[in-house]
N, C-alpha and C. Protein backbone atom coordinates (compact mmCIF):
# COMPACT_ATOMS: atom_id res chain seq x y z
N MET A 1 18.08 -25.22 28.01
CA MET A 1 18.31 -24.85 26.72
C MET A 1 19.51 -23.71 27.13
N GLY A 2 20.64 -24.16 26.33
CA GLY A 2 21.93 -23.28 26.56
C GLY A 2 21.69 -21.98 25.99
N GLY A 3 22.84 -21.00 26.37
CA GLY A 3 22.73 -19.65 25.73
C GLY A 3 22.51 -19.56 24.28
N ARG A 4 23.45 -20.30 23.54
CA ARG A 4 23.46 -20.27 22.19
C ARG A 4 22.21 -20.70 21.48
N SER A 5 21.53 -21.62 21.87
CA SER A 5 20.31 -22.28 21.43
C SER A 5 19.19 -21.24 21.72
N ARG A 6 19.17 -20.49 22.94
CA ARG A 6 18.21 -19.64 23.23
C ARG A 6 18.31 -18.40 22.12
N GLY A 7 19.45 -18.23 21.96
CA GLY A 7 19.90 -17.04 20.80
C GLY A 7 19.24 -17.42 19.49
N TYR A 8 19.66 -18.57 19.13
CA TYR A 8 18.98 -19.01 17.69
C TYR A 8 17.36 -19.11 17.90
N GLU A 9 16.85 -19.42 18.86
CA GLU A 9 15.42 -19.74 19.08
C GLU A 9 14.78 -18.07 18.95
N ALA A 10 15.43 -17.05 19.50
CA ALA A 10 15.05 -15.71 19.56
C ALA A 10 15.14 -15.32 17.91
N GLU A 11 16.05 -15.59 17.41
CA GLU A 11 16.35 -15.10 15.98
C GLU A 11 15.09 -15.77 15.27
N ARG A 12 14.91 -17.04 15.33
CA ARG A 12 13.82 -17.80 14.64
C ARG A 12 12.48 -17.05 15.11
N GLU A 13 12.15 -16.81 16.16
CA GLU A 13 10.91 -16.12 16.62
C GLU A 13 10.78 -14.91 15.78
N LEU A 14 11.72 -14.01 15.93
CA LEU A 14 11.86 -12.74 15.25
C LEU A 14 11.83 -12.87 13.83
N VAL A 15 12.26 -13.97 13.03
CA VAL A 15 11.84 -14.23 11.58
C VAL A 15 10.37 -14.46 11.59
N ARG A 16 9.84 -15.32 12.17
CA ARG A 16 8.49 -15.53 12.04
C ARG A 16 7.47 -14.52 12.24
N LYS A 17 7.91 -13.60 13.17
CA LYS A 17 7.06 -12.29 13.45
C LYS A 17 7.10 -11.29 12.37
N LEU A 18 8.25 -11.09 11.83
CA LEU A 18 8.54 -10.29 10.57
C LEU A 18 7.95 -10.92 9.41
N TRP A 19 7.78 -12.02 9.08
CA TRP A 19 7.34 -12.82 8.11
C TRP A 19 5.77 -12.61 8.07
N ARG A 20 5.19 -12.86 9.00
CA ARG A 20 3.85 -12.65 9.29
C ARG A 20 3.30 -11.39 9.11
N ARG A 21 4.04 -10.40 9.22
CA ARG A 21 3.71 -8.83 8.89
C ARG A 21 4.12 -8.36 7.58
N GLY A 22 4.23 -9.46 6.84
CA GLY A 22 4.55 -9.11 5.38
C GLY A 22 6.00 -8.92 4.71
N PHE A 23 7.01 -9.23 5.81
CA PHE A 23 8.37 -8.70 5.46
C PHE A 23 8.93 -10.05 4.52
N ALA A 24 9.96 -9.58 3.56
CA ALA A 24 10.65 -10.77 2.94
C ALA A 24 11.83 -10.80 4.08
N VAL A 25 12.07 -12.15 4.74
CA VAL A 25 13.11 -12.09 5.85
C VAL A 25 13.81 -13.38 5.80
N VAL A 26 14.99 -13.22 6.16
CA VAL A 26 15.92 -14.18 6.14
C VAL A 26 16.84 -14.31 7.41
N ARG A 27 17.12 -15.31 7.93
CA ARG A 27 18.28 -15.47 9.03
C ARG A 27 19.46 -15.57 8.57
N GLY A 28 20.44 -14.83 8.84
CA GLY A 28 21.74 -15.08 8.32
C GLY A 28 22.47 -16.20 8.33
N PRO A 29 22.96 -16.75 7.19
CA PRO A 29 23.41 -18.10 6.89
C PRO A 29 24.73 -18.47 8.08
N ALA A 30 25.29 -17.35 8.44
CA ALA A 30 26.49 -17.55 9.44
C ALA A 30 26.08 -17.04 10.84
N SER A 31 25.02 -16.95 11.18
CA SER A 31 24.50 -16.27 12.29
C SER A 31 25.01 -16.87 13.50
N GLY A 32 25.84 -16.11 14.19
CA GLY A 32 26.39 -16.76 15.71
C GLY A 32 27.76 -17.35 15.37
N ALA A 33 28.12 -17.42 13.97
CA ALA A 33 29.46 -18.19 13.83
C ALA A 33 30.58 -17.03 13.82
N LYS A 34 31.80 -17.46 13.97
CA LYS A 34 32.86 -16.51 14.06
C LYS A 34 33.50 -16.22 12.60
N VAL A 35 32.71 -15.68 11.86
CA VAL A 35 33.18 -15.48 10.37
C VAL A 35 33.95 -14.25 10.20
N ARG A 36 35.09 -14.10 9.92
CA ARG A 36 35.83 -13.01 9.84
C ARG A 36 35.80 -12.09 8.86
N LYS A 37 35.83 -12.66 7.36
CA LYS A 37 35.84 -11.93 6.32
C LYS A 37 34.54 -11.53 5.73
N ALA A 38 33.53 -12.28 6.27
CA ALA A 38 32.07 -12.05 5.74
C ALA A 38 31.37 -11.05 6.60
N VAL A 39 30.29 -10.33 6.33
CA VAL A 39 29.51 -9.55 6.98
C VAL A 39 28.01 -9.96 6.96
N TYR A 40 27.73 -10.74 8.10
CA TYR A 40 26.45 -11.30 8.28
C TYR A 40 25.61 -10.77 9.53
N PRO A 41 24.62 -10.19 9.20
CA PRO A 41 23.68 -9.73 10.33
C PRO A 41 22.85 -11.16 10.72
N ASP A 42 22.19 -11.14 11.91
CA ASP A 42 21.54 -12.30 12.35
C ASP A 42 20.39 -12.44 11.46
N VAL A 43 19.63 -11.31 11.08
CA VAL A 43 18.40 -11.16 10.49
C VAL A 43 18.20 -10.01 9.61
N VAL A 44 17.67 -10.40 8.38
CA VAL A 44 17.47 -9.30 7.34
C VAL A 44 16.21 -9.15 7.04
N ALA A 45 15.64 -8.06 7.04
CA ALA A 45 13.97 -8.10 6.70
C ALA A 45 13.80 -6.79 5.70
N ILE A 46 12.89 -7.15 4.73
CA ILE A 46 12.68 -6.13 3.64
C ILE A 46 11.23 -6.04 3.47
N LYS A 47 10.82 -4.70 3.51
CA LYS A 47 9.21 -4.45 3.13
C LYS A 47 9.13 -3.01 2.67
N ASN A 48 8.54 -3.09 1.60
CA ASN A 48 8.13 -1.57 0.88
C ASN A 48 9.41 -1.06 0.56
N GLY A 49 10.42 -1.65 0.29
CA GLY A 49 11.62 -1.14 -0.16
C GLY A 49 12.63 -0.60 1.04
N ARG A 50 12.08 -1.01 2.11
CA ARG A 50 12.88 -0.62 3.41
C ARG A 50 13.54 -1.78 4.02
N VAL A 51 15.01 -1.61 3.99
CA VAL A 51 15.62 -2.93 4.67
C VAL A 51 16.22 -2.48 6.00
N LEU A 52 15.95 -3.57 6.90
CA LEU A 52 16.14 -3.50 8.38
C LEU A 52 17.29 -4.79 8.46
N VAL A 53 18.24 -4.46 9.39
CA VAL A 53 18.99 -5.57 9.72
C VAL A 53 19.24 -5.44 11.06
N PHE A 54 19.18 -6.65 11.64
CA PHE A 54 19.35 -6.80 13.15
C PHE A 54 20.45 -7.80 13.66
N GLU A 55 21.00 -7.45 14.71
CA GLU A 55 21.72 -8.27 15.66
C GLU A 55 20.76 -8.54 16.80
N VAL A 56 20.49 -9.88 17.08
CA VAL A 56 19.41 -10.40 17.84
C VAL A 56 20.25 -10.77 19.25
N LYS A 57 19.61 -10.28 20.32
CA LYS A 57 20.16 -10.47 21.68
C LYS A 57 19.09 -11.16 22.53
N LYS A 58 19.17 -12.04 23.30
CA LYS A 58 18.23 -12.77 24.18
C LYS A 58 18.83 -12.69 25.48
N ARG A 59 17.99 -12.20 26.38
CA ARG A 59 18.35 -12.10 27.98
C ARG A 59 17.40 -12.69 28.86
N SER A 60 17.49 -13.21 29.77
CA SER A 60 16.80 -13.84 30.77
C SER A 60 16.08 -12.71 31.65
N ARG A 61 16.90 -11.39 31.77
CA ARG A 61 16.70 -10.37 32.66
C ARG A 61 17.07 -9.11 32.00
N LEU A 62 16.25 -7.92 32.43
CA LEU A 62 16.67 -6.62 31.92
C LEU A 62 17.93 -6.09 32.54
N GLU A 63 19.02 -5.91 31.61
CA GLU A 63 20.19 -5.61 32.18
C GLU A 63 20.82 -4.89 31.00
N SER A 64 22.00 -4.21 31.12
CA SER A 64 22.78 -3.74 30.05
C SER A 64 23.32 -4.76 29.05
N ILE A 65 23.47 -4.73 27.95
CA ILE A 65 24.10 -5.43 26.75
C ILE A 65 25.23 -5.00 26.29
N TYR A 66 26.47 -5.61 26.23
CA TYR A 66 27.68 -5.16 25.72
C TYR A 66 27.73 -5.88 24.39
N LEU A 67 28.20 -5.34 23.31
CA LEU A 67 28.47 -5.71 22.01
C LEU A 67 29.92 -5.51 21.69
N ASP A 68 30.15 -6.57 20.93
CA ASP A 68 31.81 -6.52 20.34
C ASP A 68 31.86 -5.43 19.42
N LYS A 69 32.74 -4.61 19.26
CA LYS A 69 32.80 -3.74 18.37
C LYS A 69 33.04 -3.98 16.72
N GLU A 70 33.57 -4.99 16.49
CA GLU A 70 33.71 -5.56 15.32
C GLU A 70 32.46 -6.14 14.83
N GLN A 71 31.66 -6.72 15.79
CA GLN A 71 30.41 -7.25 15.51
C GLN A 71 29.37 -6.00 15.00
N VAL A 72 29.36 -4.90 15.50
CA VAL A 72 28.60 -3.75 15.34
C VAL A 72 29.23 -3.13 14.10
N ALA A 73 30.44 -2.91 13.93
CA ALA A 73 30.80 -2.36 12.63
C ALA A 73 30.39 -3.07 11.40
N LYS A 74 30.48 -4.62 11.50
CA LYS A 74 29.87 -5.35 10.60
C LYS A 74 28.59 -5.05 10.39
N LEU A 75 27.71 -4.97 11.34
CA LEU A 75 26.25 -4.72 11.22
C LEU A 75 26.07 -3.38 10.47
N ARG A 76 26.67 -2.36 10.95
CA ARG A 76 26.51 -1.12 10.39
C ARG A 76 26.95 -1.30 8.94
N GLU A 77 28.07 -1.75 8.41
CA GLU A 77 28.58 -1.84 6.83
C GLU A 77 27.55 -2.77 6.18
N PHE A 78 27.04 -3.68 6.71
CA PHE A 78 26.00 -4.43 5.71
C PHE A 78 24.68 -3.38 5.67
N ALA A 79 24.18 -2.64 6.63
CA ALA A 79 23.19 -1.91 6.58
C ALA A 79 23.50 -0.59 5.40
N ARG A 80 24.75 -0.31 5.53
CA ARG A 80 25.26 0.63 4.65
C ARG A 80 25.04 0.28 3.20
N ARG A 81 25.84 -0.84 2.84
CA ARG A 81 25.57 -1.42 1.51
C ARG A 81 24.24 -1.77 1.14
N ALA A 82 23.35 -2.07 2.06
CA ALA A 82 21.96 -2.42 1.77
C ALA A 82 21.08 -1.11 1.49
N GLY A 83 21.52 0.00 2.17
CA GLY A 83 20.78 1.11 2.09
C GLY A 83 19.79 1.09 3.10
N GLY A 84 20.08 0.25 4.24
CA GLY A 84 19.06 -0.03 5.42
C GLY A 84 19.37 0.54 6.55
N ASP A 85 18.71 0.30 7.55
CA ASP A 85 18.95 0.62 8.95
C ASP A 85 19.22 -0.52 9.93
N ALA A 86 20.02 -0.42 10.89
CA ALA A 86 20.46 -1.42 11.83
C ALA A 86 20.09 -1.15 13.12
N PHE A 87 19.50 -2.43 13.46
CA PHE A 87 19.05 -2.34 15.10
C PHE A 87 19.73 -3.51 15.87
N ILE A 88 19.64 -3.27 17.08
CA ILE A 88 19.89 -4.45 18.13
C ILE A 88 18.42 -4.83 18.61
N ALA A 89 17.83 -6.09 17.98
CA ALA A 89 16.78 -6.58 18.55
C ALA A 89 16.89 -7.49 19.68
N ILE A 90 15.99 -7.14 20.61
CA ILE A 90 16.45 -7.53 22.08
C ILE A 90 15.07 -8.02 22.74
N LYS A 91 15.34 -9.46 22.99
CA LYS A 91 14.09 -10.17 23.64
C LYS A 91 14.57 -10.39 25.04
N ILE A 92 13.83 -9.85 26.04
CA ILE A 92 14.20 -10.15 27.56
C ILE A 92 12.88 -11.23 27.94
N SER A 93 13.44 -12.22 28.53
CA SER A 93 12.16 -13.14 29.00
C SER A 93 11.05 -12.46 29.66
N GLY A 94 9.78 -12.70 29.34
CA GLY A 94 8.69 -12.18 30.03
C GLY A 94 8.23 -10.84 29.41
N MET A 95 9.09 -10.06 28.45
CA MET A 95 8.70 -8.76 27.87
C MET A 95 8.70 -8.91 26.50
N PRO A 96 7.96 -7.71 26.01
CA PRO A 96 7.97 -7.90 24.54
C PRO A 96 9.30 -7.44 23.85
N TRP A 97 9.45 -7.71 22.72
CA TRP A 97 10.63 -7.18 21.92
C TRP A 97 10.82 -5.86 21.98
N ARG A 98 12.22 -5.33 21.86
CA ARG A 98 12.63 -3.85 21.88
C ARG A 98 13.70 -3.95 20.74
N PHE A 99 13.54 -2.78 20.07
CA PHE A 99 14.66 -2.67 18.99
C PHE A 99 15.36 -1.20 19.14
N VAL A 100 16.63 -1.13 19.37
CA VAL A 100 17.33 -0.11 19.54
C VAL A 100 18.23 0.16 18.27
N SER A 101 18.15 1.18 17.90
CA SER A 101 19.15 1.70 16.58
C SER A 101 20.52 1.75 16.97
N VAL A 102 21.42 1.23 16.23
CA VAL A 102 23.13 0.91 16.48
C VAL A 102 23.41 2.61 16.60
N GLU A 103 22.73 3.51 16.19
CA GLU A 103 23.12 5.19 16.29
C GLU A 103 22.98 5.39 17.91
N ARG A 104 22.12 4.62 18.56
CA ARG A 104 21.97 4.78 20.01
C ARG A 104 22.78 4.12 20.94
N LEU A 105 23.83 3.15 20.33
CA LEU A 105 24.84 2.55 21.22
C LEU A 105 25.81 3.40 21.87
N VAL A 106 26.29 3.19 22.98
CA VAL A 106 27.19 3.91 23.77
C VAL A 106 28.74 3.41 23.57
N ASP A 107 29.70 4.10 23.10
CA ASP A 107 31.08 3.64 22.94
C ASP A 107 31.79 3.63 24.52
N THR A 108 32.03 2.39 24.87
CA THR A 108 32.73 2.22 26.12
C THR A 108 34.17 2.12 25.84
N GLY A 109 34.67 2.23 24.86
CA GLY A 109 36.29 2.09 24.76
C GLY A 109 36.46 0.83 24.07
N GLY A 110 36.05 -0.48 24.84
CA GLY A 110 36.32 -1.54 24.37
C GLY A 110 35.12 -2.36 23.58
N SER A 111 34.00 -1.75 23.80
CA SER A 111 32.85 -2.41 23.13
C SER A 111 31.77 -1.48 23.00
N TYR A 112 30.63 -1.79 22.80
CA TYR A 112 29.33 -0.90 22.51
C TYR A 112 28.56 -1.32 23.90
N LYS A 113 27.62 -0.48 24.28
CA LYS A 113 26.92 -0.65 25.36
C LYS A 113 25.39 -0.35 25.25
N VAL A 114 24.30 -1.09 25.39
CA VAL A 114 22.93 -0.79 25.07
C VAL A 114 22.54 -0.97 26.61
N SER A 115 22.35 0.37 27.37
CA SER A 115 21.83 0.32 28.66
C SER A 115 20.52 -0.33 28.90
N HIS A 116 20.21 -0.70 30.28
CA HIS A 116 18.81 -1.27 30.51
C HIS A 116 17.60 -0.05 30.18
N GLU A 117 18.20 1.21 30.35
CA GLU A 117 17.00 2.22 30.18
C GLU A 117 16.73 2.49 28.60
N GLU A 118 18.13 2.41 27.84
CA GLU A 118 17.83 2.46 26.27
C GLU A 118 16.89 1.19 25.86
N ILE A 119 17.27 0.27 26.48
CA ILE A 119 16.25 -1.05 26.20
C ILE A 119 14.91 -0.62 26.42
N GLU A 120 14.55 -0.17 27.58
CA GLU A 120 13.17 0.20 27.77
C GLU A 120 12.64 1.29 26.88
N LYS A 121 13.47 2.19 26.44
CA LYS A 121 13.05 3.24 25.77
C LYS A 121 12.95 2.68 24.16
N GLY A 122 13.44 1.53 23.87
CA GLY A 122 13.52 1.19 22.36
C GLY A 122 12.29 0.99 21.69
N LEU A 123 12.33 0.82 20.50
CA LEU A 123 11.22 0.77 19.62
C LEU A 123 10.30 -0.53 20.15
N SER A 124 9.07 -0.53 20.25
CA SER A 124 8.36 -1.84 20.35
C SER A 124 8.30 -2.37 18.90
N PHE A 125 7.55 -3.50 18.78
CA PHE A 125 7.40 -4.31 17.62
C PHE A 125 6.38 -3.30 16.80
N ASN A 126 5.36 -2.94 17.37
CA ASN A 126 4.45 -2.07 16.65
C ASN A 126 5.08 -0.74 16.29
N ASP A 127 6.08 0.08 17.06
CA ASP A 127 6.62 1.20 16.59
C ASP A 127 7.42 0.82 15.24
N LEU A 128 8.09 -0.33 15.22
CA LEU A 128 9.11 -0.49 14.17
C LEU A 128 8.16 -0.99 12.96
N MET A 129 6.95 -1.84 13.11
CA MET A 129 6.18 -1.80 11.90
C MET A 129 5.60 -0.31 11.55
N ALA A 130 5.18 0.62 12.28
CA ALA A 130 4.76 1.87 12.01
C ALA A 130 6.02 2.61 11.05
N LEU A 131 7.24 2.54 11.62
CA LEU A 131 8.11 3.09 10.88
C LEU A 131 8.31 2.60 9.41
N VAL A 132 8.30 1.19 9.20
CA VAL A 132 8.34 0.63 7.91
C VAL A 132 7.15 0.93 7.02
N GLU A 133 5.96 0.80 7.59
CA GLU A 133 4.62 0.83 6.86
C GLU A 133 4.10 2.24 6.28
N THR A 134 5.06 3.18 6.83
CA THR A 134 4.71 4.62 6.25
C THR A 134 5.66 5.07 5.38
N THR A 135 6.57 4.03 5.08
CA THR A 135 7.43 4.14 3.95
C THR A 135 6.51 3.98 2.69
N ILE A 136 6.99 4.84 1.55
CA ILE A 136 6.18 4.89 0.35
C ILE A 136 6.99 3.93 -0.67
N PRO A 137 6.56 2.77 -1.08
CA PRO A 137 7.25 1.87 -1.94
C PRO A 137 7.94 2.66 -3.28
N LEU A 138 8.96 2.47 -3.65
CA LEU A 138 9.48 3.19 -4.93
C LEU A 138 8.71 3.17 -6.14
N THR A 139 7.83 2.13 -6.43
CA THR A 139 6.91 2.05 -7.50
C THR A 139 5.77 3.22 -7.38
N GLU A 140 5.29 3.20 -6.25
CA GLU A 140 4.28 4.19 -5.84
C GLU A 140 4.83 5.66 -6.10
N PHE A 141 6.22 5.74 -5.49
CA PHE A 141 6.48 6.96 -5.79
C PHE A 141 6.68 7.39 -7.09
N ALA A 142 7.20 6.47 -7.99
CA ALA A 142 7.37 6.58 -9.49
C ALA A 142 6.18 6.90 -10.00
N ASN A 143 5.19 6.21 -9.72
CA ASN A 143 3.91 6.68 -10.28
C ASN A 143 3.27 7.83 -10.01
N LYS A 144 3.46 8.49 -8.70
CA LYS A 144 3.06 9.59 -8.27
C LYS A 144 3.82 10.78 -9.06
N ASN A 145 5.03 10.47 -9.38
CA ASN A 145 5.91 11.58 -10.13
C ASN A 145 5.63 11.48 -11.55
N ARG A 146 5.28 10.31 -12.22
CA ARG A 146 4.93 10.02 -13.40
C ARG A 146 3.52 11.11 -13.58
N GLY A 147 2.58 10.87 -12.82
CA GLY A 147 1.37 11.71 -13.15
C GLY A 147 1.55 13.18 -12.92
N ARG A 148 2.48 13.43 -11.75
CA ARG A 148 2.93 14.95 -11.95
C ARG A 148 3.62 15.40 -13.18
N ASP A 149 4.63 14.69 -13.65
CA ASP A 149 5.31 15.30 -14.77
C ASP A 149 4.40 15.38 -16.04
N GLU A 150 3.27 14.35 -16.16
CA GLU A 150 2.29 14.28 -17.36
C GLU A 150 1.52 15.48 -17.15
N ALA A 151 1.18 15.71 -15.95
CA ALA A 151 0.28 17.14 -15.81
C ALA A 151 1.06 18.20 -15.97
N SER A 152 2.28 18.42 -15.81
CA SER A 152 3.16 19.52 -16.16
C SER A 152 3.51 19.75 -17.39
N THR A 153 3.24 18.79 -18.31
CA THR A 153 3.68 18.86 -19.63
C THR A 153 2.23 19.26 -20.51
N ARG A 154 1.24 19.07 -19.86
CA ARG A 154 0.05 19.50 -20.38
C ARG A 154 -0.27 20.82 -20.26
N ALA A 155 0.12 21.59 -19.22
CA ALA A 155 0.03 23.05 -18.87
C ALA A 155 0.49 23.80 -19.63
């Protein structure tokens, strides 16, 4: 299996994992394509009003990963417009998924770097789930505030 097809398979694997955990999730329509004018992350996942966008990287061994500056800028812009959080989702053969916030990337001048140490310290899949599952859905927040407002008008 070639590098590009391994990357596609990693994207599909992440989509399946997120879907099973209750996310609305899609793989970007131009994932892996050299689309200049559009801004497409590899995967977009939404749960409890929380939007996560991912650039997915698959590697055969643990090593630093370098990302194109334009690719990271597009990921950040998509996350900004969606009101979400951007992550590099990393699948190393034989290891569990790791998720590194784009805020933790190191600017090397010509690209961005995710060091192998940063990958090891990245969020696990369960850490990522805990981050999202502790978010209060907007409808629940509105209901809590409505009850508080009604109580204050009675007082």
